[in-house]
Amino acid sequence: MRIAAVLASTFVTTALGLLATPTLAQDKAAKAAAQKSAAVPAEVRARVVSKLQGATAEDVSASPIPGLYEVTMGGLIAYVTADGKYLVSGNVYDLDTQANLTATRRNAARAKALAAASEDKMIVFSPPNPKMTVTVFTDIDCGFCRKFHNQVAEMNKAGVRVRYLMYPRTGPGTESWRKAEAVWCAADRRDALTRAKRGEDIKSKNCPGAASIQTQYSLGDDLGVEGTPAIFTEAGDYIGGFMTPAQLVQTVQESQKAAAAVR
């Protein structure tokens, strides 16, 4: 069983009115809870790894809740019982502090995964001296993705560095996937991406583009991409879809402040 498939179809009810944005209180609560949790027994790790496809022993750690263990894969967080029989998807809140413990862990996991992704596997539009960086999962045939890209020059002027990863929403073997491969195989990927988003047909060349697109697509799944454009900050915040340059700058600045508050 892949954890991404479980989380995509599982919903839980959480307390209303609690803030999901990480705060200093959240960070302290998460650290305190982790310190009180017992180490994960080897047999628990073994059970979880045997039940969840793609999970490794290192993905399993203690959680704030006795009897539940945390599983982190990419940017996805879930909780499993010690016998490996039950999986719980959703946010864990500390009702005393109103801290969303899961959000803090999820953002940290996403930030780590994005930092580990090689920029050789991205199409980057950057100003000379960027003030901030966002990673955007994009689909060439997505209308809002095209609208977003029409503003990329303005975003660069505002100091925003845009790192693109391909996420053809229709999946492998589709026309959108073929277009992504054609862009990736182009000698000038930046130019090819811009022309493709204008509706031009990019001629495909023989190259291992399929493997690269699959890697990017899989990363998007692991990070919980739900639609395109999917914008992530360096702090791991999934800040949503289409934004104007002004909205993007303001949202990223808020993310940076929140991230600085928990350090």
C-alpha atoms as a PDB file:
ATOM      1  CA  MET A   1       0.000   0.000   0.000  1.00  0.00           C
ATOM      2  CA  ARG A   2       1.416   3.418  -0.978  1.00  0.00           C
ATOM      3  CA  ILE A   3       0.982   6.054   1.706  1.00  0.00           C
ATOM      4  CA  ALA A   4       0.237   8.703  -0.970  1.00  0.00           C
ATOM      5  CA  ALA A   5      -2.791   6.716  -2.113  1.00  0.00           C
ATOM      6  CA  VAL A   6      -4.046   6.346   1.445  1.00  0.00           C
ATOM      7  CA  LEU A   7      -3.696  10.035   2.244  1.00  0.00           C
ATOM      8  CA  ALA A   8      -5.337  11.072  -1.026  1.00  0.00           C
ATOM      9  CA  SER A   9      -8.527   9.196  -0.127  1.00  0.00           C
ATOM     10  CA  THR A  10      -8.647   9.545   3.661  1.00  0.00           C
ATOM     11  CA  PHE A  11     -10.301  12.407   5.493  1.00  0.00           C
ATOM     12  CA  VAL A  12     -10.441  13.147   9.196  1.00  0.00           C
ATOM     13  CA  THR A  13     -12.382  15.725  11.202  1.00  0.00           C
ATOM     14  CA  THR A  14     -10.267  18.260  13.031  1.00  0.00           C
ATOM     15  CA  ALA A  15     -11.150  20.909  15.574  1.00  0.00           C
ATOM     16  CA  LEU A  16     -12.430  24.075  13.947  1.00  0.00           C
ATOM     17  CA  GLY A  17     -10.903  27.444  14.599  1.00  0.00           C
ATOM     18  CA  LEU A  18      -7.396  26.180  15.346  1.00  0.00           C
ATOM     19  CA  LEU A  19      -4.614  27.842  13.424  1.00  0.00           C
ATOM     20  CA  ALA A  20      -2.702  25.628  10.973  1.00  0.00           C
ATOM     21  CA  THR A  21       0.185  28.022  10.454  1.00  0.00           C
ATOM     22  CA  PRO A  22       3.286  26.968  12.417  1.00  0.00           C
ATOM     23  CA  THR A  23       4.120  29.224  15.356  1.00  0.00           C
ATOM     24  CA  LEU A  24       6.777  29.320  18.027  1.00  0.00           C
ATOM     25  CA  ALA A  25       4.335  27.607  20.399  1.00  0.00           C
ATOM     26  CA  GLN A  26       3.807  24.838  17.860  1.00  0.00           C
ATOM     27  CA  ASP A  27       7.509  24.272  17.474  1.00  0.00           C
ATOM     28  CA  LYS A  28       8.093  24.112  21.228  1.00  0.00           C
ATOM     29  CA  ALA A  29       5.128  21.800  21.700  1.00  0.00           C
ATOM     30  CA  ALA A  30       6.332  19.496  18.932  1.00  0.00           C
ATOM     31  CA  LYS A  31       9.830  19.302  20.424  1.00  0.00           C
ATOM     32  CA  ALA A  32       8.497  18.687  23.926  1.00  0.00           C
ATOM     33  CA  ALA A  33       6.186  15.946  22.693  1.00  0.00           C
ATOM     34  CA  ALA A  34       8.990  14.281  20.765  1.00  0.00           C
ATOM     35  CA  GLN A  35      11.240  14.309  23.826  1.00  0.00           C
ATOM     36  CA  LYS A  36       8.564  12.585  25.921  1.00  0.00           C
ATOM     37  CA  SER A  37       7.906   9.898  23.299  1.00  0.00           C
ATOM     38  CA  ALA A  38       9.646   6.564  23.590  1.00  0.00           C
ATOM     39  CA  ALA A  39      12.048   5.342  20.911  1.00  0.00           C
ATOM     40  CA  VAL A  40      10.486   3.297  18.145  1.00  0.00           C
ATOM     41  CA  PRO A  41      10.951  -0.439  18.774  1.00  0.00           C
ATOM     42  CA  ALA A  42      12.614  -2.351  15.935  1.00  0.00           C
ATOM     43  CA  GLU A  43       9.612  -4.646  15.578  1.00  0.00           C
ATOM     44  CA  VAL A  44       7.308  -1.644  15.053  1.00  0.00           C
ATOM     45  CA  ARG A  45       9.536  -0.282  12.303  1.00  0.00           C
ATOM     46  CA  ALA A  46       9.591  -3.712  10.661  1.00  0.00           C
ATOM     47  CA  ARG A  47       5.788  -4.014  10.743  1.00  0.00           C
ATOM     48  CA  VAL A  48       5.233  -0.555   9.267  1.00  0.00           C
ATOM     49  CA  VAL A  49       7.792  -1.070   6.503  1.00  0.00           C
ATOM     50  CA  SER A  50       6.179  -4.402   5.594  1.00  0.00           C
ATOM     51  CA  LYS A  51       2.726  -2.799   5.311  1.00  0.00           C
ATOM     52  CA  LEU A  52       3.534   0.507   3.537  1.00  0.00           C
ATOM     53  CA  GLN A  53       5.069   0.294   0.089  1.00  0.00           C
ATOM     54  CA  GLY A  54       8.118   2.519  -0.241  1.00  0.00           C
ATOM     55  CA  ALA A  55       8.520   3.140   3.492  1.00  0.00           C
ATOM     56  CA  THR A  56      11.903   2.634   5.132  1.00  0.00           C
ATOM     57  CA  ALA A  57      12.866   2.186   8.775  1.00  0.00           C
ATOM     58  CA  GLU A  58      14.114   5.782   8.852  1.00  0.00           C
ATOM     59  CA  ASP A  59      10.643   7.039   7.884  1.00  0.00           C
ATOM     60  CA  VAL A  60       9.154   5.820  11.168  1.00  0.00           C
ATOM     61  CA  SER A  61       9.515   7.903  14.331  1.00  0.00           C
ATOM     62  CA  ALA A  62       7.800   8.529  17.658  1.00  0.00           C
ATOM     63  CA  SER A  63       4.675  10.680  17.718  1.00  0.00           C
ATOM     64  CA  PRO A  64       3.149  12.854  20.476  1.00  0.00           C
ATOM     65  CA  ILE A  65       0.361  10.298  20.951  1.00  0.00           C
ATOM     66  CA  PRO A  66       1.070   7.139  22.974  1.00  0.00           C
ATOM     67  CA  GLY A  67       0.528   4.035  20.872  1.00  0.00           C
ATOM     68  CA  LEU A  68       0.848   5.842  17.534  1.00  0.00           C
ATOM     69  CA  TYR A  69       3.987   6.259  15.443  1.00  0.00           C
ATOM     70  CA  GLU A  70       4.674   8.875  12.806  1.00  0.00           C
ATOM     71  CA  VAL A  71       5.474   7.950   9.221  1.00  0.00           C
ATOM     72  CA  THR A  72       7.047  10.611   7.001  1.00  0.00           C
ATOM     73  CA  MET A  73       7.425  10.037   3.262  1.00  0.00           C
ATOM     74  CA  GLY A  74       8.304  13.070   1.170  1.00  0.00           C
ATOM     75  CA  GLY A  75       5.945  15.748   2.418  1.00  0.00           C
ATOM     76  CA  LEU A  76       3.299  13.324   3.630  1.00  0.00           C
ATOM     77  CA  ILE A  77       2.699  12.668   7.324  1.00  0.00           C
ATOM     78  CA  ALA A  78       0.568   9.855   8.731  1.00  0.00           C
ATOM     79  CA  TYR A  79       0.292   7.896  11.968  1.00  0.00           C
ATOM     80  CA  VAL A  80       0.187   4.135  12.420  1.00  0.00           C
ATOM     81  CA  THR A  81      -0.562   1.825  15.323  1.00  0.00           C
ATOM     82  CA  ALA A  82       2.194  -0.293  16.820  1.00  0.00           C
ATOM     83  CA  ASP A  83       0.787  -3.451  15.256  1.00  0.00           C
ATOM     84  CA  GLY A  84       0.881  -1.830  11.811  1.00  0.00           C
ATOM     85  CA  LYS A  85      -2.827  -2.533  11.315  1.00  0.00           C
ATOM     86  CA  TYR A  86      -4.300   0.966  11.387  1.00  0.00           C
ATOM     87  CA  LEU A  87      -3.233   4.184   9.662  1.00  0.00           C
ATOM     88  CA  VAL A  88      -4.535   7.614  10.707  1.00  0.00           C
ATOM     89  CA  SER A  89      -4.399  10.545   8.282  1.00  0.00           C
ATOM     90  CA  GLY A  90      -4.880  14.121   9.451  1.00  0.00           C
ATOM     91  CA  ASN A  91      -3.603  16.828  11.767  1.00  0.00           C
ATOM     92  CA  VAL A  92      -2.658  16.299  15.390  1.00  0.00           C
ATOM     93  CA  TYR A  93      -3.431  19.303  17.585  1.00  0.00           C
ATOM     94  CA  ASP A  94      -2.280  20.091  21.085  1.00  0.00           C
ATOM     95  CA  LEU A  95      -5.460  21.508  22.589  1.00  0.00           C
ATOM     96  CA  ASP A  96      -3.576  23.173  25.437  1.00  0.00           C
ATOM     97  CA  THR A  97      -1.477  25.305  23.113  1.00  0.00           C
ATOM     98  CA  GLN A  98      -3.711  25.128  19.992  1.00  0.00           C
ATOM     99  CA  ALA A  99      -0.577  24.042  18.112  1.00  0.00           C
ATOM    100  CA  ASN A 100      -0.914  22.015  14.923  1.00  0.00           C
ATOM    101  CA  LEU A 101       1.931  19.568  15.526  1.00  0.00           C
ATOM    102  CA  THR A 102       1.486  17.868  12.174  1.00  0.00           C
ATOM    103  CA  ALA A 103       1.740  21.111  10.173  1.00  0.00           C
ATOM    104  CA  THR A 104       5.152  21.856  11.670  1.00  0.00           C
ATOM    105  CA  ARG A 105       6.434  18.383  10.819  1.00  0.00           C
ATOM    106  CA  ARG A 106       4.841  18.409   7.357  1.00  0.00           C
ATOM    107  CA  ASN A 107       6.427  21.713   6.373  1.00  0.00           C
ATOM    108  CA  ALA A 108       9.819  20.572   7.602  1.00  0.00           C
ATOM    109  CA  ALA A 109       9.523  17.368   5.563  1.00  0.00           C
ATOM    110  CA  ARG A 110       8.481  19.264   2.429  1.00  0.00           C
ATOM    111  CA  ALA A 111      11.303  21.771   2.835  1.00  0.00           C
ATOM    112  CA  LYS A 112      13.807  18.937   3.162  1.00  0.00           C
ATOM    113  CA  ALA A 113      12.485  17.175   0.055  1.00  0.00           C
ATOM    114  CA  LEU A 114      12.529  20.371  -2.018  1.00  0.00           C
ATOM    115  CA  ALA A 115      16.034  21.283  -0.853  1.00  0.00           C
ATOM    116  CA  ALA A 116      17.230  17.823  -1.893  1.00  0.00           C
ATOM    117  CA  ALA A 117      15.761  18.129  -5.401  1.00  0.00           C
ATOM    118  CA  SER A 118      18.442  18.940  -7.970  1.00  0.00           C
ATOM    119  CA  GLU A 119      17.953  22.145  -9.942  1.00  0.00           C
ATOM    120  CA  ASP A 120      19.345  20.276 -12.944  1.00  0.00           C
ATOM    121  CA  LYS A 121      15.928  18.612 -12.938  1.00  0.00           C
ATOM    122  CA  MET A 122      14.063  21.927 -12.956  1.00  0.00           C
ATOM    123  CA  ILE A 123      13.440  24.839 -15.310  1.00  0.00           C
ATOM    124  CA  VAL A 124      14.463  27.958 -13.415  1.00  0.00           C
ATOM    125  CA  PHE A 125      13.562  31.599 -14.102  1.00  0.00           C
ATOM    126  CA  SER A 126      15.616  33.794 -11.792  1.00  0.00           C
ATOM    127  CA  PRO A 127      16.537  37.474 -11.369  1.00  0.00           C
ATOM    128  CA  PRO A 128      20.249  38.305 -10.806  1.00  0.00           C
ATOM    129  CA  ASN A 129      19.792  38.733  -7.052  1.00  0.00           C
ATOM    130  CA  PRO A 130      16.665  36.871  -5.921  1.00  0.00           C
ATOM    131  CA  LYS A 131      15.023  37.826  -2.640  1.00  0.00           C
ATOM    132  CA  MET A 132      12.932  34.667  -2.411  1.00  0.00           C
ATOM    133  CA  THR A 133      12.443  31.334  -4.167  1.00  0.00           C
ATOM    134  CA  VAL A 134       9.319  29.340  -4.943  1.00  0.00           C
ATOM    135  CA  THR A 135       9.040  25.882  -6.456  1.00  0.00           C
ATOM    136  CA  VAL A 136       6.070  25.497  -8.787  1.00  0.00           C
ATOM    137  CA  PHE A 137       4.601  22.253 -10.134  1.00  0.00           C
ATOM    138  CA  THR A 138       3.161  23.129 -13.527  1.00  0.00           C
ATOM    139  CA  ASP A 139       1.068  21.630 -16.327  1.00  0.00           C
ATOM    140  CA  ILE A 140       1.541  23.032 -19.830  1.00  0.00           C
ATOM    141  CA  ASP A 141      -2.169  22.697 -20.650  1.00  0.00           C
ATOM    142  CA  CYS A 142      -3.378  24.220 -17.369  1.00  0.00           C
ATOM    143  CA  GLY A 143      -4.990  27.619 -17.983  1.00  0.00           C
ATOM    144  CA  PHE A 144      -3.972  29.096 -14.637  1.00  0.00           C
ATOM    145  CA  CYS A 145      -0.425  27.748 -15.138  1.00  0.00           C
ATOM    146  CA  ARG A 146      -0.230  29.672 -18.408  1.00  0.00           C
ATOM    147  CA  LYS A 147      -1.596  32.779 -16.726  1.00  0.00           C
ATOM    148  CA  PHE A 148       0.984  32.385 -13.941  1.00  0.00           C
ATOM    149  CA  HIS A 149       3.823  31.998 -16.464  1.00  0.00           C
ATOM    150  CA  ASN A 150       2.720  35.115 -18.347  1.00  0.00           C
ATOM    151  CA  GLN A 151       3.739  37.017 -15.201  1.00  0.00           C
ATOM    152  CA  VAL A 152       7.054  35.264 -14.561  1.00  0.00           C
ATOM    153  CA  ALA A 153       9.087  38.219 -15.871  1.00  0.00           C
ATOM    154  CA  GLU A 154       7.217  40.546 -13.509  1.00  0.00           C
ATOM    155  CA  MET A 155       7.818  38.105 -10.655  1.00  0.00           C
ATOM    156  CA  ASN A 156      11.532  38.097 -11.427  1.00  0.00           C
ATOM    157  CA  LYS A 157      11.510  41.904 -11.303  1.00  0.00           C
ATOM    158  CA  ALA A 158       9.950  41.668  -7.841  1.00  0.00           C
ATOM    159  CA  GLY A 159      12.859  39.452  -6.747  1.00  0.00           C
ATOM    160  CA  VAL A 160      11.075  36.092  -6.981  1.00  0.00           C
ATOM    161  CA  ARG A 161      13.026  33.127  -8.302  1.00  0.00           C
ATOM    162  CA  VAL A 162      10.697  30.566  -9.894  1.00  0.00           C
ATOM    163  CA  ARG A 163      11.745  26.903 -10.069  1.00  0.00           C
ATOM    164  CA  TYR A 164       9.450  24.832 -12.281  1.00  0.00           C
ATOM    165  CA  LEU A 165       8.806  21.100 -12.010  1.00  0.00           C
ATOM    166  CA  MET A 166       6.545  19.288 -14.450  1.00  0.00           C
ATOM    167  CA  TYR A 167       3.258  17.859 -13.209  1.00  0.00           C
ATOM    168  CA  PRO A 168       1.022  16.876 -16.168  1.00  0.00           C
ATOM    169  CA  ARG A 169      -2.256  16.356 -14.323  1.00  0.00           C
ATOM    170  CA  THR A 170      -3.619  13.829 -16.827  1.00  0.00           C
ATOM    171  CA  GLY A 171      -0.742  11.467 -16.063  1.00  0.00           C
ATOM    172  CA  PRO A 172       1.643   9.298 -18.100  1.00  0.00           C
ATOM    173  CA  GLY A 173       0.901   8.558 -21.737  1.00  0.00           C
ATOM    174  CA  THR A 174      -1.342  11.593 -22.243  1.00  0.00           C
ATOM    175  CA  GLU A 175      -0.958  14.579 -24.548  1.00  0.00           C
ATOM    176  CA  SER A 176       0.016  16.868 -21.665  1.00  0.00           C
ATOM    177  CA  TRP A 177       2.711  14.375 -20.664  1.00  0.00           C
ATOM    178  CA  ARG A 178       4.032  14.289 -24.245  1.00  0.00           C
ATOM    179  CA  LYS A 179       4.239  18.083 -24.268  1.00  0.00           C
ATOM    180  CA  ALA A 180       6.174  18.054 -20.994  1.00  0.00           C
ATOM    181  CA  GLU A 181       8.641  15.551 -22.457  1.00  0.00           C
ATOM    182  CA  ALA A 182       9.059  17.670 -25.590  1.00  0.00           C
ATOM    183  CA  VAL A 183       9.875  20.747 -23.499  1.00  0.00           C
ATOM    184  CA  TRP A 184      12.308  18.781 -21.362  1.00  0.00           C
ATOM    185  CA  CYS A 185      14.092  17.435 -24.450  1.00  0.00           C
ATOM    186  CA  ALA A 186      14.476  20.904 -26.008  1.00  0.00           C
ATOM    187  CA  ALA A 187      17.918  22.500 -26.249  1.00  0.00           C
ATOM    188  CA  ASP A 188      16.565  25.622 -24.506  1.00  0.00           C
ATOM    189  CA  ARG A 189      14.015  24.427 -21.953  1.00  0.00           C
ATOM    190  CA  ARG A 190      13.117  27.902 -20.723  1.00  0.00           C
ATOM    191  CA  ASP A 191      12.262  29.080 -24.241  1.00  0.00           C
ATOM    192  CA  ALA A 192      10.463  25.821 -25.040  1.00  0.00           C
ATOM    193  CA  LEU A 193       8.356  26.056 -21.876  1.00  0.00           C
ATOM    194  CA  THR A 194       7.362  29.634 -22.654  1.00  0.00           C
ATOM    195  CA  ARG A 195       6.417  28.758 -26.229  1.00  0.00           C
ATOM    196  CA  ALA A 196       4.517  25.639 -25.152  1.00  0.00           C
ATOM    197  CA  LYS A 197       2.483  27.672 -22.675  1.00  0.00           C
ATOM    198  CA  ARG A 198       1.596  30.008 -25.539  1.00  0.00           C
ATOM    199  CA  GLY A 199       0.114  27.033 -27.359  1.00  0.00           C
ATOM    200  CA  GLU A 200       2.998  26.359 -29.741  1.00  0.00           C
ATOM    201  CA  ASP A 201       3.761  22.765 -30.670  1.00  0.00           C
ATOM    202  CA  ILE A 202       7.235  21.833 -29.480  1.00  0.00           C
ATOM    203  CA  LYS A 203       8.818  19.146 -31.621  1.00  0.00           C
ATOM    204  CA  SER A 204       9.980  16.202 -29.570  1.00  0.00           C
ATOM    205  CA  LYS A 205      13.505  14.836 -29.808  1.00  0.00           C
ATOM    206  CA  ASN A 206      14.842  11.486 -28.759  1.00  0.00           C
ATOM    207  CA  CYS A 207      16.011  11.845 -25.172  1.00  0.00           C
ATOM    208  CA  PRO A 208      15.328  10.235 -21.795  1.00  0.00           C
ATOM    209  CA  GLY A 209      12.656  12.822 -21.040  1.00  0.00           C
ATOM    210  CA  ALA A 210      10.092  10.339 -19.809  1.00  0.00           C
ATOM    211  CA  ALA A 211      12.200   9.335 -16.809  1.00  0.00           C
ATOM    212  CA  SER A 212      12.751  12.957 -15.786  1.00  0.00           C
ATOM    213  CA  ILE A 213       9.079  13.852 -16.056  1.00  0.00           C
ATOM    214  CA  GLN A 214       8.133  10.786 -14.028  1.00  0.00           C
ATOM    215  CA  THR A 215      10.589  11.766 -11.278  1.00  0.00           C
ATOM    216  CA  GLN A 216       9.138  15.277 -11.088  1.00  0.00           C
ATOM    217  CA  TYR A 217       5.576  13.978 -11.174  1.00  0.00           C
ATOM    218  CA  SER A 218       6.292  11.475  -8.391  1.00  0.00           C
ATOM    219  CA  LEU A 219       7.831  14.211  -6.230  1.00  0.00           C
ATOM    220  CA  GLY A 220       4.660  16.240  -6.667  1.00  0.00           C
ATOM    221  CA  ASP A 221       2.596  13.267  -5.517  1.00  0.00           C
ATOM    222  CA  ASP A 222       4.869  12.782  -2.499  1.00  0.00           C
ATOM    223  CA  LEU A 223       4.486  16.448  -1.538  1.00  0.00           C
ATOM    224  CA  GLY A 224       0.699  16.269  -1.786  1.00  0.00           C
ATOM    225  CA  VAL A 225       0.135  18.299  -4.959  1.00  0.00           C
ATOM    226  CA  GLU A 226      -3.617  18.582  -5.521  1.00  0.00           C
ATOM    227  CA  GLY A 227      -3.727  20.807  -8.599  1.00  0.00           C
ATOM    228  CA  THR A 228      -1.644  23.144 -10.710  1.00  0.00           C
ATOM    229  CA  PRO A 229       0.028  25.509 -10.390  1.00  0.00           C
ATOM    230  CA  ALA A 230       1.118  24.160  -7.002  1.00  0.00           C
ATOM    231  CA  ILE A 231       3.392  26.670  -5.285  1.00  0.00           C
ATOM    232  CA  PHE A 232       5.748  25.793  -2.431  1.00  0.00           C
ATOM    233  CA  THR A 233       7.982  28.114  -0.417  1.00  0.00           C
ATOM    234  CA  GLU A 234      11.489  27.271   0.772  1.00  0.00           C
ATOM    235  CA  ALA A 235       9.999  26.763   4.246  1.00  0.00           C
ATOM    236  CA  GLY A 236       7.818  23.960   2.885  1.00  0.00           C
ATOM    237  CA  ASP A 237       4.542  25.873   2.905  1.00  0.00           C
ATOM    238  CA  TYR A 238       2.095  24.783   0.197  1.00  0.00           C
ATOM    239  CA  ILE A 239       0.686  28.220  -0.513  1.00  0.00           C
ATOM    240  CA  GLY A 240      -1.820  27.305  -3.184  1.00  0.00           C
ATOM    241  CA  GLY A 241      -2.426  27.932  -6.864  1.00  0.00           C
ATOM    242  CA  PHE A 242      -2.469  30.986  -9.120  1.00  0.00           C
ATOM    243  CA  MET A 243      -1.367  34.279  -7.590  1.00  0.00           C
ATOM    244  CA  THR A 244      -0.486  37.679  -8.955  1.00  0.00           C
ATOM    245  CA  PRO A 245       3.115  38.807  -8.387  1.00  0.00           C
ATOM    246  CA  ALA A 246       2.019  41.096  -5.542  1.00  0.00           C
ATOM    247  CA  GLN A 247       0.014  38.334  -3.879  1.00  0.00           C
ATOM    248  CA  LEU A 248       2.889  35.894  -4.257  1.00  0.00           C
ATOM    249  CA  VAL A 249       5.447  38.240  -2.729  1.00  0.00           C
ATOM    250  CA  GLN A 250       3.183  39.005   0.236  1.00  0.00           C
ATOM    251  CA  THR A 251       2.398  35.327   0.838  1.00  0.00           C
ATOM    252  CA  VAL A 252       6.051  34.263   0.653  1.00  0.00           C
ATOM    253  CA  GLN A 253       7.062  37.052   3.030  1.00  0.00           C
ATOM    254  CA  GLU A 254       4.459  35.835   5.516  1.00  0.00           C
ATOM    255  CA  SER A 255       5.820  32.304   5.144  1.00  0.00           C
ATOM    256  CA  GLN A 256       9.359  33.527   5.769  1.00  0.00           C
ATOM    257  CA  LYS A 257       8.274  35.346   8.940  1.00  0.00           C
ATOM    258  CA  ALA A 258       6.447  32.274  10.223  1.00  0.00           C
ATOM    259  CA  ALA A 259       9.468  30.084   9.497  1.00  0.00           C
ATOM    260  CA  ALA A 260      11.794  32.511  11.273  1.00  0.00           C
ATOM    261  CA  ALA A 261       9.517  32.487  14.320  1.00  0.00           C
ATOM    262  CA  VAL A 262       9.939  28.750  14.855  1.00  0.00           C
ATOM    263  CA  ARG A 263      13.730  28.693  14.592  1.00  0.00           C
END
